[in-house]
Amino acid sequence: KFQPDKRAFGYIPQIPALTNARENVASISQEDQLKEAVKSADLFVEKFAEHVSVDAIVDAARKATLRYIQSTTSTQNRETVSGTKRPAEEIGVTKLANNNDQSKHPRIALKSA
């Protein structure tokens, strides 16, 4: 399905050598099964790297992380609640008359950003 807001980093082709790989090793010793599993994994990684842009995946992850960090640090001056990224006022924290904070969720500990 075409998704214009998504970016494909490549494709993983069908790898004939891996077809029925599990069934092909069912009758051999566990040690040989492990050796075949490692060979299959190596082949998959090789084909993956040939057809998928790993550098583009890492770059996209780096950019997404940077955007996330920037979005969370832009709200530094707002009070937050530990264990959540939402501002305190969004989860029902209110000021008491003596200027202390009270949460409608007693197990949530307040902290200053």
N, C-alpha and C. Protein backbone atom coordinates (compact mmCIF):
# COMPACT_ATOMS: atom_id res chain seq x y z
N LYS A 1 0.84 -1.18 0.00
CA LYS A 1 0.00 0.00 0.00
C LYS A 1 0.89 1.25 0.00
N PHE A 2 0.61 2.18 -0.87
CA PHE A 2 1.38 3.41 -0.94
C PHE A 2 1.06 4.31 0.23
N GLN A 3 2.09 4.74 0.93
CA GLN A 3 1.94 5.65 2.06
C GLN A 3 2.90 6.81 1.86
N PRO A 4 2.41 7.94 1.35
CA PRO A 4 3.30 9.04 0.99
C PRO A 4 4.07 9.62 2.18
N ASP A 5 3.57 9.44 3.40
CA ASP A 5 4.27 9.98 4.56
C ASP A 5 5.31 9.00 5.12
N LYS A 6 5.45 7.83 4.51
CA LYS A 6 6.41 6.82 4.94
C LYS A 6 7.53 6.70 3.93
N ARG A 7 8.68 6.26 4.40
CA ARG A 7 9.83 6.10 3.50
C ARG A 7 10.33 4.67 3.59
N ALA A 8 10.44 4.01 2.46
CA ALA A 8 10.99 2.65 2.43
C ALA A 8 12.51 2.74 2.38
N PHE A 9 13.16 1.90 3.12
CA PHE A 9 14.62 1.88 3.14
C PHE A 9 15.18 0.79 2.24
N GLY A 10 14.31 0.06 1.60
CA GLY A 10 14.72 -1.02 0.72
C GLY A 10 13.73 -2.16 0.85
N TYR A 11 14.14 -3.32 0.40
CA TYR A 11 13.28 -4.50 0.49
C TYR A 11 14.17 -5.70 0.73
N ILE A 12 13.57 -6.72 1.28
CA ILE A 12 14.30 -7.97 1.50
C ILE A 12 13.73 -8.98 0.51
N PRO A 13 14.54 -9.40 -0.44
CA PRO A 13 14.04 -10.33 -1.44
C PRO A 13 13.87 -11.73 -0.85
N GLN A 14 13.12 -12.55 -1.54
CA GLN A 14 13.02 -13.95 -1.13
C GLN A 14 14.39 -14.58 -1.36
N ILE A 15 14.85 -15.32 -0.39
CA ILE A 15 16.18 -15.94 -0.47
C ILE A 15 15.98 -17.44 -0.61
N PRO A 16 16.17 -17.97 -1.83
CA PRO A 16 15.89 -19.39 -2.07
C PRO A 16 16.62 -20.33 -1.11
N ALA A 17 17.83 -20.01 -0.74
CA ALA A 17 18.59 -20.89 0.16
C ALA A 17 17.97 -20.99 1.55
N LEU A 18 17.11 -20.03 1.89
CA LEU A 18 16.48 -20.06 3.22
C LEU A 18 15.08 -20.66 3.19
N THR A 19 14.59 -20.98 2.01
CA THR A 19 13.27 -21.59 1.90
C THR A 19 13.30 -22.94 2.60
N ASN A 20 12.38 -23.14 3.50
CA ASN A 20 12.27 -24.39 4.26
C ASN A 20 13.52 -24.70 5.08
N ALA A 21 14.24 -23.69 5.49
CA ALA A 21 15.48 -23.89 6.24
C ALA A 21 15.24 -24.70 7.51
N ARG A 22 14.16 -24.41 8.22
CA ARG A 22 13.88 -25.12 9.47
C ARG A 22 13.62 -26.60 9.21
N GLU A 23 12.81 -26.88 8.19
CA GLU A 23 12.48 -28.27 7.88
C GLU A 23 13.71 -29.04 7.40
N ASN A 24 14.63 -28.35 6.73
CA ASN A 24 15.80 -29.02 6.17
C ASN A 24 16.79 -29.46 7.25
N VAL A 25 16.70 -28.92 8.43
CA VAL A 25 17.66 -29.27 9.49
C VAL A 25 17.03 -30.11 10.59
N ALA A 26 15.77 -30.47 10.44
CA ALA A 26 15.06 -31.18 11.50
C ALA A 26 15.68 -32.53 11.84
N SER A 27 16.30 -33.18 10.89
CA SER A 27 16.81 -34.54 11.13
C SER A 27 18.31 -34.59 11.43
N ILE A 28 18.95 -33.45 11.62
CA ILE A 28 20.39 -33.46 11.93
C ILE A 28 20.61 -33.15 13.41
N SER A 29 21.82 -33.34 13.88
CA SER A 29 22.12 -33.14 15.30
C SER A 29 21.94 -31.68 15.70
N GLN A 30 21.76 -31.46 17.00
CA GLN A 30 21.57 -30.09 17.49
C GLN A 30 22.79 -29.22 17.18
N GLU A 31 23.96 -29.79 17.28
CA GLU A 31 25.17 -29.03 16.97
C GLU A 31 25.18 -28.59 15.51
N ASP A 32 24.81 -29.50 14.61
CA ASP A 32 24.75 -29.16 13.19
C ASP A 32 23.61 -28.18 12.91
N GLN A 33 22.49 -28.32 13.64
CA GLN A 33 21.40 -27.36 13.50
C GLN A 33 21.87 -25.95 13.84
N LEU A 34 22.64 -25.85 14.92
CA LEU A 34 23.16 -24.55 15.33
C LEU A 34 24.09 -23.98 14.26
N LYS A 35 24.95 -24.82 13.71
CA LYS A 35 25.85 -24.35 12.64
C LYS A 35 25.07 -23.86 11.43
N GLU A 36 24.03 -24.60 11.06
CA GLU A 36 23.20 -24.20 9.92
C GLU A 36 22.44 -22.92 10.22
N ALA A 37 21.98 -22.77 11.46
CA ALA A 37 21.26 -21.55 11.86
C ALA A 37 22.17 -20.34 11.74
N VAL A 38 23.41 -20.48 12.16
CA VAL A 38 24.37 -19.37 12.06
C VAL A 38 24.64 -19.05 10.59
N LYS A 39 24.80 -20.07 9.76
CA LYS A 39 25.00 -19.84 8.32
C LYS A 39 23.80 -19.11 7.71
N SER A 40 22.60 -19.54 8.08
CA SER A 40 21.39 -18.91 7.57
C SER A 40 21.30 -17.46 8.01
N ALA A 41 21.62 -17.21 9.27
CA ALA A 41 21.60 -15.83 9.79
C ALA A 41 22.61 -14.97 9.05
N ASP A 42 23.80 -15.50 8.82
CA ASP A 42 24.82 -14.74 8.10
C ASP A 42 24.35 -14.41 6.68
N LEU A 43 23.72 -15.38 6.02
CA LEU A 43 23.22 -15.16 4.67
C LEU A 43 22.13 -14.09 4.67
N PHE A 44 21.22 -14.16 5.66
CA PHE A 44 20.15 -13.17 5.74
C PHE A 44 20.72 -11.77 5.96
N VAL A 45 21.68 -11.64 6.86
CA VAL A 45 22.29 -10.33 7.12
C VAL A 45 22.98 -9.80 5.87
N GLU A 46 23.65 -10.67 5.15
CA GLU A 46 24.33 -10.26 3.91
C GLU A 46 23.32 -9.75 2.88
N LYS A 47 22.24 -10.50 2.67
CA LYS A 47 21.22 -10.09 1.70
C LYS A 47 20.50 -8.83 2.16
N PHE A 48 20.24 -8.73 3.46
CA PHE A 48 19.60 -7.53 4.01
C PHE A 48 20.45 -6.30 3.70
N ALA A 49 21.74 -6.38 3.98
CA ALA A 49 22.64 -5.24 3.75
C ALA A 49 22.75 -4.90 2.26
N GLU A 50 22.60 -5.89 1.39
CA GLU A 50 22.66 -5.63 -0.05
C GLU A 50 21.44 -4.88 -0.56
N HIS A 51 20.29 -5.08 0.08
CA HIS A 51 19.04 -4.55 -0.46
C HIS A 51 18.37 -3.47 0.38
N VAL A 52 18.88 -3.24 1.58
CA VAL A 52 18.28 -2.26 2.48
C VAL A 52 19.36 -1.25 2.87
N SER A 53 19.00 0.01 2.86
CA SER A 53 19.96 1.06 3.22
C SER A 53 20.04 1.20 4.74
N VAL A 54 20.97 0.48 5.32
CA VAL A 54 21.14 0.53 6.78
C VAL A 54 21.57 1.94 7.21
N ASP A 55 22.40 2.58 6.42
CA ASP A 55 22.82 3.96 6.74
C ASP A 55 21.61 4.90 6.80
N ALA A 56 20.66 4.72 5.88
CA ALA A 56 19.46 5.56 5.88
C ALA A 56 18.60 5.29 7.11
N ILE A 57 18.54 4.03 7.55
CA ILE A 57 17.79 3.69 8.76
C ILE A 57 18.42 4.37 9.97
N VAL A 58 19.72 4.27 10.09
CA VAL A 58 20.43 4.89 11.22
C VAL A 58 20.27 6.40 11.18
N ASP A 59 20.36 6.98 9.99
CA ASP A 59 20.20 8.44 9.86
C ASP A 59 18.79 8.87 10.26
N ALA A 60 17.78 8.13 9.82
CA ALA A 60 16.39 8.46 10.17
C ALA A 60 16.18 8.33 11.68
N ALA A 61 16.77 7.32 12.29
CA ALA A 61 16.64 7.14 13.74
C ALA A 61 17.33 8.29 14.47
N ARG A 62 18.49 8.71 13.98
CA ARG A 62 19.20 9.83 14.59
C ARG A 62 18.37 11.11 14.52
N LYS A 63 17.78 11.36 13.35
CA LYS A 63 16.97 12.57 13.18
C LYS A 63 15.71 12.53 14.05
N ALA A 64 15.08 11.36 14.12
CA ALA A 64 13.87 11.23 14.95
C ALA A 64 14.21 11.42 16.42
N THR A 65 15.34 10.90 16.84
CA THR A 65 15.77 11.08 18.23
C THR A 65 16.05 12.54 18.52
N LEU A 66 16.71 13.22 17.61
CA LEU A 66 17.00 14.64 17.78
C LEU A 66 15.71 15.45 17.86
N ARG A 67 14.74 15.15 16.99
CA ARG A 67 13.44 15.84 17.06
C ARG A 67 12.76 15.60 18.39
N TYR A 68 12.81 14.36 18.86
CA TYR A 68 12.19 14.04 20.14
C TYR A 68 12.87 14.81 21.28
N ILE A 69 14.18 14.82 21.30
CA ILE A 69 14.91 15.54 22.35
C ILE A 69 14.57 17.02 22.31
N GLN A 70 14.54 17.60 21.11
CA GLN A 70 14.21 19.01 20.98
C GLN A 70 12.78 19.29 21.44
N SER A 71 11.85 18.40 21.14
CA SER A 71 10.47 18.64 21.55
C SER A 71 10.30 18.51 23.05
N THR A 72 11.06 17.65 23.69
CA THR A 72 10.92 17.51 25.14
C THR A 72 11.68 18.58 25.89
N THR A 73 12.76 19.09 25.34
CA THR A 73 13.51 20.14 26.04
C THR A 73 12.89 21.51 25.82
N SER A 74 12.03 21.64 24.81
CA SER A 74 11.38 22.94 24.60
C SER A 74 10.33 23.21 25.66
N THR A 75 9.98 22.20 26.42
CA THR A 75 9.00 22.37 27.50
C THR A 75 9.68 22.35 28.87
N GLN A 76 10.96 22.72 28.92
CA GLN A 76 11.74 22.66 30.16
C GLN A 76 11.11 23.44 31.30
N ASN A 77 10.51 24.55 31.01
CA ASN A 77 10.01 25.40 32.08
C ASN A 77 8.68 24.92 32.64
N ARG A 78 8.06 23.95 31.99
CA ARG A 78 6.80 23.43 32.51
C ARG A 78 7.11 22.32 33.50
N GLU A 79 6.31 22.24 34.54
CA GLU A 79 6.50 21.19 35.53
C GLU A 79 6.07 19.85 34.93
N THR A 80 6.85 18.82 35.19
CA THR A 80 6.51 17.50 34.69
C THR A 80 6.35 16.54 35.86
N VAL A 81 5.82 15.39 35.57
CA VAL A 81 5.63 14.36 36.57
C VAL A 81 6.53 13.20 36.23
N SER A 82 7.23 12.65 37.24
CA SER A 82 8.15 11.56 36.97
C SER A 82 7.40 10.37 36.38
N GLY A 83 8.04 9.68 35.44
CA GLY A 83 7.42 8.53 34.82
C GLY A 83 6.52 8.86 33.64
N THR A 84 6.40 10.12 33.28
CA THR A 84 5.56 10.51 32.16
C THR A 84 6.20 11.70 31.45
N LYS A 85 5.85 11.88 30.21
CA LYS A 85 6.36 13.02 29.44
C LYS A 85 5.34 14.14 29.40
N ARG A 86 4.18 13.91 30.01
CA ARG A 86 3.11 14.90 29.96
C ARG A 86 3.28 15.92 31.08
N PRO A 87 2.91 17.17 30.82
CA PRO A 87 2.98 18.19 31.86
C PRO A 87 2.05 17.84 33.01
N ALA A 88 2.41 18.33 34.18
CA ALA A 88 1.65 18.01 35.39
C ALA A 88 0.18 18.38 35.25
N GLU A 89 -0.11 19.53 34.64
CA GLU A 89 -1.50 19.96 34.55
C GLU A 89 -2.35 19.05 33.67
N GLU A 90 -1.72 18.30 32.79
CA GLU A 90 -2.47 17.40 31.91
C GLU A 90 -2.91 16.13 32.62
N ILE A 91 -2.28 15.80 33.74
CA ILE A 91 -2.67 14.57 34.44
C ILE A 91 -3.33 14.85 35.77
N GLY A 92 -3.78 16.06 35.99
CA GLY A 92 -4.60 16.35 37.14
C GLY A 92 -3.86 16.80 38.38
N VAL A 93 -2.68 17.38 38.24
CA VAL A 93 -1.97 17.91 39.39
C VAL A 93 -2.50 19.31 39.66
N THR A 94 -2.86 19.57 40.90
CA THR A 94 -3.41 20.88 41.27
C THR A 94 -2.62 21.48 42.42
N LYS A 95 -2.65 22.79 42.53
CA LYS A 95 -2.00 23.49 43.64
C LYS A 95 -2.96 23.55 44.82
N LEU A 96 -2.45 23.23 46.00
CA LEU A 96 -3.23 23.37 47.22
C LEU A 96 -3.11 24.79 47.73
N ALA A 97 -3.90 25.14 48.72
CA ALA A 97 -3.88 26.49 49.28
C ALA A 97 -2.51 26.86 49.84
N ASN A 98 -1.78 25.88 50.36
CA ASN A 98 -0.45 26.16 50.93
C ASN A 98 0.66 26.09 49.87
N ASN A 99 0.29 26.12 48.60
CA ASN A 99 1.21 26.12 47.46
C ASN A 99 1.91 24.78 47.23
N ASN A 100 1.46 23.73 47.88
CA ASN A 100 2.01 22.40 47.62
C ASN A 100 1.22 21.76 46.50
N ASP A 101 1.89 20.87 45.78
CA ASP A 101 1.22 20.18 44.68
C ASP A 101 0.51 18.94 45.20
N GLN A 102 -0.61 18.64 44.60
CA GLN A 102 -1.33 17.43 44.93
C GLN A 102 -1.77 16.78 43.63
N SER A 103 -1.54 15.50 43.51
CA SER A 103 -1.94 14.76 42.33
C SER A 103 -3.20 13.98 42.61
N LYS A 104 -4.06 13.86 41.59
CA LYS A 104 -5.23 13.01 41.77
C LYS A 104 -4.82 11.54 41.70
N HIS A 105 -3.56 11.29 41.37
CA HIS A 105 -2.98 9.94 41.35
C HIS A 105 -1.89 9.90 42.41
N PRO A 106 -2.18 9.44 43.63
CA PRO A 106 -1.23 9.56 44.74
C PRO A 106 0.10 8.86 44.51
N ARG A 107 0.19 7.87 43.65
CA ARG A 107 1.45 7.16 43.44
C ARG A 107 2.39 7.91 42.50
N ILE A 108 1.92 8.94 41.85
CA ILE A 108 2.77 9.70 40.92
C ILE A 108 3.56 10.73 41.71
N ALA A 109 4.89 10.63 41.61
CA ALA A 109 5.75 11.56 42.33
C ALA A 109 6.02 12.78 41.47
N LEU A 110 5.90 13.96 42.05
CA LEU A 110 6.15 15.19 41.31
C LEU A 110 7.63 15.51 41.32
N LYS A 111 8.08 16.11 40.24
CA LYS A 111 9.45 16.59 40.16
C LYS A 111 9.46 17.86 39.36
N SER A 112 10.47 18.67 39.54
CA SER A 112 10.60 19.88 38.73
C SER A 112 11.49 19.60 37.56
N ALA A 113 11.17 20.17 36.39
CA ALA A 113 11.95 19.92 35.18
C ALA A 113 13.27 20.65 35.25
